[in-house]
C-alpha cells in the first residue's frame, strides 16, 4: 500500500485549514482518501482536501469563492460519503476545485463551507475526474487520540 501524506496546521491565519493531515491509499483502479484530525470535523475536512488532491496539487488551488453544503445521514460513514459526493456535485456543476473547508457536525447533520476557485486547466492540470465517493473501505473512528475518516473515491 502506497501512502502519500501531507500535514497542515491551524496557524491563526485567515483561511487556514483545520489541523491534521490527509493521505491517499491504493485501492485497485480507484483511490482511497483518508483525513486525520483532532476532531471529527477536522478529519472530514482533511478527507475533502485529500479528494481535491486526487485531481490536482492542492497548492495550486486558491480558496476564493465560498460554497455551502449540507448533509444528513444516520451514521458517520454515510455522512462522510454524502458530504464528499456533495462536493463532487459542486465541482462538476460549478467547474470548481476546493482547497479549504470548515465544517460543523452535530447529531447526524453536517453543515460545511468550502472555498475554492474555477478550474484553470493550465494552472491546475487536473489528472483525473472524481466520479464519486463510495462506501468501500469507509470508516470514521476515533483512535490513538485522533479522528480518522476514510473511503474510496471512484475515478
Protein backbone atom coordinates (compact mmCIF):
# COMPACT_ATOMS: atom_id res chain seq x y z
CA UNK A 1 0.00 0.00 0.00
CA UNK A 2 1.48 3.33 -1.06
CA UNK A 3 0.55 6.24 1.19
CA UNK A 4 1.02 9.87 0.27
CA UNK A 5 0.57 12.27 3.12
CA UNK A 6 0.67 15.96 3.89
CA UNK A 7 0.17 17.90 7.09
CA UNK A 8 -1.48 21.23 7.73
CA UNK A 9 -1.66 23.31 10.86
CA UNK A 10 -4.15 25.87 12.07
CA UNK A 11 -1.81 28.81 12.39
CA UNK A 12 -4.18 31.64 13.16
CA UNK A 13 -4.03 32.94 9.59
CA UNK A 14 -7.39 33.64 7.97
CA UNK A 15 -8.10 30.84 5.55
CA UNK A 16 -6.03 28.23 7.36
CA UNK A 17 -7.17 24.64 7.05
CA UNK A 18 -8.09 22.66 10.13
CA UNK A 19 -5.25 20.87 11.89
CA UNK A 20 -4.47 17.36 10.81
CA UNK A 21 -3.32 15.62 7.70
CA UNK A 22 -4.61 13.75 4.70
CA UNK A 23 -3.45 10.62 2.94
CA UNK A 24 -4.10 8.62 -0.21
CA UNK A 25 -4.05 4.83 -0.20
CA UNK A 26 -4.13 2.45 -3.16
CA UNK A 27 -7.32 0.55 -3.84
CA UNK A 28 -7.27 -1.21 -7.20
CA UNK A 29 -8.23 1.14 -10.02
CA UNK A 30 -9.68 3.66 -7.57
CA UNK A 31 -8.08 5.79 -4.85
CA UNK A 32 -8.52 5.71 -1.11
CA UNK A 33 -8.67 9.00 0.72
CA UNK A 34 -8.16 9.49 4.42
CA UNK A 35 -8.41 12.52 6.68
CA UNK A 36 -6.94 12.60 10.17
CA UNK A 37 -7.52 15.33 12.73
CA UNK A 38 -8.16 16.21 16.36
CA UNK A 39 -11.93 16.43 15.74
CA UNK A 40 -14.36 14.58 13.51
CA UNK A 41 -14.98 17.81 11.56
CA UNK A 42 -11.22 18.28 11.01
CA UNK A 43 -10.90 14.68 9.79
CA UNK A 44 -13.80 15.21 7.33
CA UNK A 45 -12.19 18.45 6.11
CA UNK A 46 -8.85 16.70 5.60
CA UNK A 47 -10.62 13.89 3.69
CA UNK A 48 -12.12 16.56 1.42
CA UNK A 49 -8.63 18.01 0.89
CA UNK A 50 -7.39 14.52 0.03
CA UNK A 51 -10.16 14.25 -2.55
CA UNK A 52 -9.11 17.52 -4.21
CA UNK A 53 -5.51 16.31 -4.13
CA UNK A 54 -6.58 13.32 -6.25
CA UNK A 55 -7.40 15.83 -9.00
CA UNK A 56 -4.61 18.39 -8.64
CA UNK A 57 -1.83 19.75 -6.44
CA UNK A 58 -3.66 21.46 -3.55
CA UNK A 59 -1.06 24.24 -3.52
CA UNK A 60 -2.38 25.45 -6.90
CA UNK A 61 -5.98 25.91 -5.69
CA UNK A 62 -6.93 29.30 -4.26
CA UNK A 63 -9.66 29.48 -1.62
CA UNK A 64 -11.59 32.39 -3.16
CA UNK A 65 -15.29 31.58 -3.62
CA UNK A 66 -17.38 30.03 -0.83
CA UNK A 67 -19.92 27.27 -1.48
CA UNK A 68 -22.19 25.83 1.20
CA UNK A 69 -23.01 22.13 1.55
CA UNK A 70 -25.45 20.45 3.93
CA UNK A 71 -25.96 16.74 4.53
CA UNK A 72 -27.79 14.48 6.91
CA UNK A 73 -27.23 10.76 7.46
CA UNK A 74 -27.95 8.12 10.11
CA UNK A 75 -24.24 7.28 10.66
CA UNK A 76 -20.85 8.90 10.27
CA UNK A 77 -19.65 6.83 7.29
CA UNK A 78 -22.76 7.68 5.28
CA UNK A 79 -22.38 11.32 6.34
CA UNK A 80 -18.77 11.36 5.08
CA UNK A 81 -19.72 9.80 1.73
CA UNK A 82 -22.72 12.15 1.34
CA UNK A 83 -20.52 15.16 2.11
CA UNK A 84 -17.84 14.13 -0.36
CA UNK A 85 -20.46 13.42 -3.03
CA UNK A 86 -21.99 16.86 -2.43
CA UNK A 87 -18.53 18.29 -3.14
CA UNK A 88 -18.16 16.12 -6.27
CA UNK A 89 -21.50 17.52 -7.48
CA UNK A 90 -20.44 21.11 -6.80
CA UNK A 91 -17.08 20.54 -8.50
CA UNK A 92 -18.82 19.23 -11.63
CA UNK A 93 -21.75 21.65 -11.69
CA UNK A 94 -19.68 24.78 -10.99
CA UNK A 95 -16.42 23.71 -12.66
CA UNK A 96 -14.57 24.36 -9.40
CA UNK A 97 -11.88 22.89 -7.19
CA UNK A 98 -11.94 23.37 -3.42
CA UNK A 99 -8.99 23.84 -1.08
CA UNK A 100 -10.37 24.98 2.29
CA UNK A 101 -13.21 23.58 4.34
CA UNK A 102 -14.97 24.48 7.59
CA UNK A 103 -17.48 22.01 8.97
CA UNK A 104 -19.95 21.71 11.80
CA UNK A 105 -21.13 18.16 12.54
CA UNK A 106 -23.90 17.55 15.07
CA UNK A 107 -26.47 14.80 15.56
CA UNK A 108 -26.03 13.30 12.09
CA UNK A 109 -26.16 16.69 10.37
CA UNK A 110 -23.27 18.35 8.58
CA UNK A 111 -23.01 21.97 7.51
CA UNK A 112 -19.92 22.92 5.53
CA UNK A 113 -18.40 25.85 3.77
CA UNK A 114 -15.94 25.01 1.02
CA UNK A 115 -13.76 27.66 -0.57
CA UNK A 116 -12.25 27.23 -3.99
CA UNK A 117 -11.99 28.61 -7.47
CA UNK A 118 -12.87 27.85 -11.07
CA UNK A 119 -10.74 25.18 -12.70
CA UNK A 120 -7.86 26.64 -14.68
CA UNK A 121 -6.68 23.72 -16.81
CA UNK A 122 -3.23 25.24 -17.43
CA UNK A 123 -2.53 26.00 -13.78
CA UNK A 124 -4.35 23.10 -12.10
CA UNK A 125 -3.53 20.42 -14.70
CA UNK A 126 -6.30 18.08 -13.50
CA UNK A 127 -5.05 14.49 -13.50
CA UNK A 128 -8.39 12.69 -13.17
CA UNK A 129 -12.05 13.38 -12.52
CA UNK A 130 -13.51 12.09 -9.28
CA UNK A 131 -16.83 10.46 -10.20
CA UNK A 132 -17.97 9.86 -6.65
CA UNK A 133 -17.21 8.76 -3.12
CA UNK A 134 -18.13 5.18 -2.24
CA UNK A 135 -18.75 3.17 0.92
CA UNK A 136 -15.79 0.95 0.05
CA UNK A 137 -13.29 0.94 2.93
CA UNK A 138 -15.50 3.55 4.61
CA UNK A 139 -14.67 4.27 8.23
CA UNK A 140 -14.98 7.11 10.70
CA UNK A 141 -13.42 6.38 14.05
CA UNK A 142 -11.57 7.83 17.00
CA UNK A 143 -8.32 6.02 17.81
CA UNK A 144 -4.95 6.88 19.27
CA UNK A 145 -6.19 10.36 20.20
CA UNK A 146 -7.23 11.32 16.64
CA UNK A 147 -10.28 11.12 14.41
CA UNK A 148 -9.89 9.29 11.10
CA UNK A 149 -12.35 9.50 8.19
CA UNK A 150 -11.77 7.46 5.04
CA UNK A 151 -13.38 5.96 1.96
CA UNK A 152 -12.55 5.10 -1.64
CA UNK A 153 -13.35 7.52 -4.47
CA UNK A 154 -14.19 6.32 -7.96
CA UNK A 155 -12.02 7.96 -10.62
